[in-house]
Amino acid sequence: MASKLMIVMANTDPARAAELGAPFFQATVAAAMDYHVELVFTGSAGQLAKKGVAENLFVKEGAQKSVYDFIRDAHEAGVHFKVCTPTLELWGDDLIPEVTEIVGGAYIVEQAMDDDVVTFTY
């Protein structure tokens, strides 16, 4: 059985905030189950790695918890956040503090091909 979960958020558009809860919730649950969990922001979802974006998004209207709160919960549970290099070119490099590493496309492919890694994409 695989011991690592890699979640790639590429096509989850921050304009559709209702879609943003599940990836962070699943990452948090997997980390709480003692799996090594990495979440990589890329594509349009890369905007979530930029300071000031996720703080102003809510999964549903009237919710008290922002998308950034979901990110912080996941980070506190042990999820490692990364951002793909093209994201910096698209959205800038003023990143939330939970992002600890910048990776390239080859990293994502290498991890996805590893038998010890399960990959979810959103």
C-alpha atoms as a PDB file:
ATOM      1  CA  MET A   1       0.000   0.000   0.000  1.00  0.00           C
ATOM      2  CA  ALA A   2       1.189   3.511  -0.811  1.00  0.00           C
ATOM      3  CA  SER A   3       2.329   5.683   2.077  1.00  0.00           C
ATOM      4  CA  LYS A   4       2.153   9.062   0.357  1.00  0.00           C
ATOM      5  CA  LEU A   5      -0.715  11.084  -1.072  1.00  0.00           C
ATOM      6  CA  MET A   6      -0.027  13.843  -3.570  1.00  0.00           C
ATOM      7  CA  ILE A   7      -2.913  16.177  -4.310  1.00  0.00           C
ATOM      8  CA  VAL A   8      -2.469  18.320  -7.407  1.00  0.00           C
ATOM      9  CA  MET A   9      -4.768  21.305  -7.601  1.00  0.00           C
ATOM     10  CA  ALA A  10      -4.579  22.446 -11.208  1.00  0.00           C
ATOM     11  CA  ASN A  11      -8.065  23.032 -12.550  1.00  0.00           C
ATOM     12  CA  THR A  12      -9.961  23.955  -9.410  1.00  0.00           C
ATOM     13  CA  ASP A  13     -10.900  27.529 -10.183  1.00  0.00           C
ATOM     14  CA  PRO A  14     -11.027  29.878  -7.188  1.00  0.00           C
ATOM     15  CA  ALA A  15     -13.999  31.561  -8.888  1.00  0.00           C
ATOM     16  CA  ARG A  16     -15.966  28.396  -8.010  1.00  0.00           C
ATOM     17  CA  ALA A  17     -15.285  28.417  -4.265  1.00  0.00           C
ATOM     18  CA  ALA A  18     -17.735  25.588  -3.560  1.00  0.00           C
ATOM     19  CA  GLU A  19     -15.203  23.213  -5.173  1.00  0.00           C
ATOM     20  CA  LEU A  20     -12.351  24.214  -2.877  1.00  0.00           C
ATOM     21  CA  GLY A  21     -13.247  22.487   0.366  1.00  0.00           C
ATOM     22  CA  ALA A  22     -12.873  18.840  -0.638  1.00  0.00           C
ATOM     23  CA  PRO A  23      -9.166  18.805  -1.592  1.00  0.00           C
ATOM     24  CA  PHE A  24      -8.103  20.492   1.647  1.00  0.00           C
ATOM     25  CA  PHE A  25     -10.433  18.380   3.762  1.00  0.00           C
ATOM     26  CA  GLN A  26      -9.173  15.152   2.184  1.00  0.00           C
ATOM     27  CA  ALA A  27      -5.573  16.274   2.631  1.00  0.00           C
ATOM     28  CA  THR A  28      -6.232  17.000   6.306  1.00  0.00           C
ATOM     29  CA  VAL A  29      -7.889  13.619   6.866  1.00  0.00           C
ATOM     30  CA  ALA A  30      -5.047  11.744   5.147  1.00  0.00           C
ATOM     31  CA  ALA A  31      -2.440  13.583   7.230  1.00  0.00           C
ATOM     32  CA  ALA A  32      -4.404  12.773  10.393  1.00  0.00           C
ATOM     33  CA  MET A  33      -4.264   9.118   9.305  1.00  0.00           C
ATOM     34  CA  ASP A  34      -0.451   9.427   9.319  1.00  0.00           C
ATOM     35  CA  TYR A  35       0.040   9.466   5.566  1.00  0.00           C
ATOM     36  CA  HIS A  36       2.666  11.775   4.122  1.00  0.00           C
ATOM     37  CA  VAL A  37       0.602  14.341   2.214  1.00  0.00           C
ATOM     38  CA  GLU A  38       1.732  16.925  -0.305  1.00  0.00           C
ATOM     39  CA  LEU A  39      -0.566  19.399  -2.006  1.00  0.00           C
ATOM     40  CA  VAL A  40       0.760  21.121  -5.122  1.00  0.00           C
ATOM     41  CA  PHE A  41      -0.817  24.321  -6.431  1.00  0.00           C
ATOM     42  CA  THR A  42      -0.593  24.829 -10.181  1.00  0.00           C
ATOM     43  CA  GLY A  43      -2.701  26.233 -13.033  1.00  0.00           C
ATOM     44  CA  SER A  44      -5.646  28.412 -12.069  1.00  0.00           C
ATOM     45  CA  ALA A  45      -5.668  26.886  -8.578  1.00  0.00           C
ATOM     46  CA  GLY A  46      -2.230  28.429  -8.113  1.00  0.00           C
ATOM     47  CA  GLN A  47      -3.988  31.678  -7.228  1.00  0.00           C
ATOM     48  CA  LEU A  48      -4.801  30.091  -3.852  1.00  0.00           C
ATOM     49  CA  ALA A  49      -1.103  30.128  -2.970  1.00  0.00           C
ATOM     50  CA  LYS A  50      -1.010  33.903  -3.316  1.00  0.00           C
ATOM     51  CA  LYS A  51      -1.445  35.959  -0.155  1.00  0.00           C
ATOM     52  CA  GLY A  52      -4.855  37.572   0.115  1.00  0.00           C
ATOM     53  CA  VAL A  53      -6.748  35.239  -2.220  1.00  0.00           C
ATOM     54  CA  ALA A  54      -7.875  32.257  -0.110  1.00  0.00           C
ATOM     55  CA  GLU A  55      -8.568  34.532   2.873  1.00  0.00           C
ATOM     56  CA  ASN A  56     -11.405  36.123   0.913  1.00  0.00           C
ATOM     57  CA  LEU A  57     -13.000  32.929  -0.404  1.00  0.00           C
ATOM     58  CA  PHE A  58     -15.672  30.879   1.336  1.00  0.00           C
ATOM     59  CA  VAL A  59     -16.921  27.435   0.306  1.00  0.00           C
ATOM     60  CA  LYS A  60     -20.494  28.564   0.867  1.00  0.00           C
ATOM     61  CA  GLU A  61     -22.171  31.865   1.451  1.00  0.00           C
ATOM     62  CA  GLY A  62     -22.368  32.811   5.102  1.00  0.00           C
ATOM     63  CA  ALA A  63     -19.642  30.376   6.178  1.00  0.00           C
ATOM     64  CA  GLN A  64     -17.414  31.483   9.038  1.00  0.00           C
ATOM     65  CA  LYS A  65     -14.424  29.510   7.789  1.00  0.00           C
ATOM     66  CA  SER A  66     -12.472  30.816   4.785  1.00  0.00           C
ATOM     67  CA  VAL A  67     -10.639  28.659   2.283  1.00  0.00           C
ATOM     68  CA  TYR A  68      -7.449  29.896   3.927  1.00  0.00           C
ATOM     69  CA  ASP A  69      -8.714  28.447   7.222  1.00  0.00           C
ATOM     70  CA  PHE A  70      -8.984  25.072   5.438  1.00  0.00           C
ATOM     71  CA  ILE A  71      -5.391  25.497   4.218  1.00  0.00           C
ATOM     72  CA  ARG A  72      -4.169  26.321   7.728  1.00  0.00           C
ATOM     73  CA  ASP A  73      -6.028  23.321   9.190  1.00  0.00           C
ATOM     74  CA  ALA A  74      -4.387  21.048   6.627  1.00  0.00           C
ATOM     75  CA  HIS A  75      -0.964  22.540   7.318  1.00  0.00           C
ATOM     76  CA  GLU A  76      -1.411  22.080  11.067  1.00  0.00           C
ATOM     77  CA  ALA A  77      -2.340  18.424  10.413  1.00  0.00           C
ATOM     78  CA  GLY A  78       0.979  17.977   8.598  1.00  0.00           C
ATOM     79  CA  VAL A  79       0.179  18.619   4.925  1.00  0.00           C
ATOM     80  CA  HIS A  80       3.145  19.952   2.934  1.00  0.00           C
ATOM     81  CA  PHE A  81       2.222  22.695   0.467  1.00  0.00           C
ATOM     82  CA  LYS A  82       4.157  23.266  -2.739  1.00  0.00           C
ATOM     83  CA  VAL A  83       3.700  25.484  -5.746  1.00  0.00           C
ATOM     84  CA  CYS A  84       4.626  24.710  -9.334  1.00  0.00           C
ATOM     85  CA  THR A  85       7.034  27.127 -11.027  1.00  0.00           C
ATOM     86  CA  PRO A  86       4.633  28.355 -13.773  1.00  0.00           C
ATOM     87  CA  THR A  87       2.245  29.474 -11.039  1.00  0.00           C
ATOM     88  CA  LEU A  88       4.761  32.081  -9.943  1.00  0.00           C
ATOM     89  CA  GLU A  89       4.913  33.417 -13.482  1.00  0.00           C
ATOM     90  CA  LEU A  90       1.113  33.637 -13.650  1.00  0.00           C
ATOM     91  CA  TRP A  91       0.187  34.899 -10.196  1.00  0.00           C
ATOM     92  CA  GLY A  92       3.400  36.258  -8.635  1.00  0.00           C
ATOM     93  CA  ASP A  93       5.593  35.125  -5.778  1.00  0.00           C
ATOM     94  CA  ASP A  94       3.900  36.728  -2.761  1.00  0.00           C
ATOM     95  CA  LEU A  95       2.972  33.337  -1.321  1.00  0.00           C
ATOM     96  CA  ILE A  96       1.137  32.245   1.804  1.00  0.00           C
ATOM     97  CA  PRO A  97       3.549  31.024   4.494  1.00  0.00           C
ATOM     98  CA  GLU A  98       2.221  27.454   4.299  1.00  0.00           C
ATOM     99  CA  VAL A  99       3.888  27.016   0.896  1.00  0.00           C
ATOM    100  CA  THR A 100       7.357  25.717   1.667  1.00  0.00           C
ATOM    101  CA  GLU A 101       8.677  24.584  -1.693  1.00  0.00           C
ATOM    102  CA  ILE A 102       8.650  25.467  -5.367  1.00  0.00           C
ATOM    103  CA  VAL A 103       8.639  22.473  -7.722  1.00  0.00           C
ATOM    104  CA  GLY A 104       8.583  21.948 -11.477  1.00  0.00           C
ATOM    105  CA  GLY A 105       6.462  19.808 -13.726  1.00  0.00           C
ATOM    106  CA  ALA A 106       9.043  17.023 -13.676  1.00  0.00           C
ATOM    107  CA  TYR A 107       8.584  16.687  -9.914  1.00  0.00           C
ATOM    108  CA  ILE A 108       4.852  16.138 -10.311  1.00  0.00           C
ATOM    109  CA  VAL A 109       5.356  13.539 -13.042  1.00  0.00           C
ATOM    110  CA  GLU A 110       8.086  11.755 -11.066  1.00  0.00           C
ATOM    111  CA  GLN A 111       5.910  11.555  -7.957  1.00  0.00           C
ATOM    112  CA  ALA A 112       2.825  10.456  -9.878  1.00  0.00           C
ATOM    113  CA  MET A 113       4.796   7.593 -11.438  1.00  0.00           C
ATOM    114  CA  ASP A 114       6.130   6.358  -8.074  1.00  0.00           C
ATOM    115  CA  ASP A 115       4.409   3.167  -6.867  1.00  0.00           C
ATOM    116  CA  ASP A 116       4.494   4.476  -3.281  1.00  0.00           C
ATOM    117  CA  VAL A 117       2.464   7.589  -4.169  1.00  0.00           C
ATOM    118  CA  VAL A 118      -1.246   7.915  -4.819  1.00  0.00           C
ATOM    119  CA  THR A 119      -2.172  11.045  -6.775  1.00  0.00           C
ATOM    120  CA  PHE A 120      -5.467  12.907  -6.638  1.00  0.00           C
ATOM    121  CA  THR A 121      -6.099  15.799  -8.995  1.00  0.00           C
ATOM    122  CA  TYR A 122      -8.623  18.583  -8.737  1.00  0.00           C
END
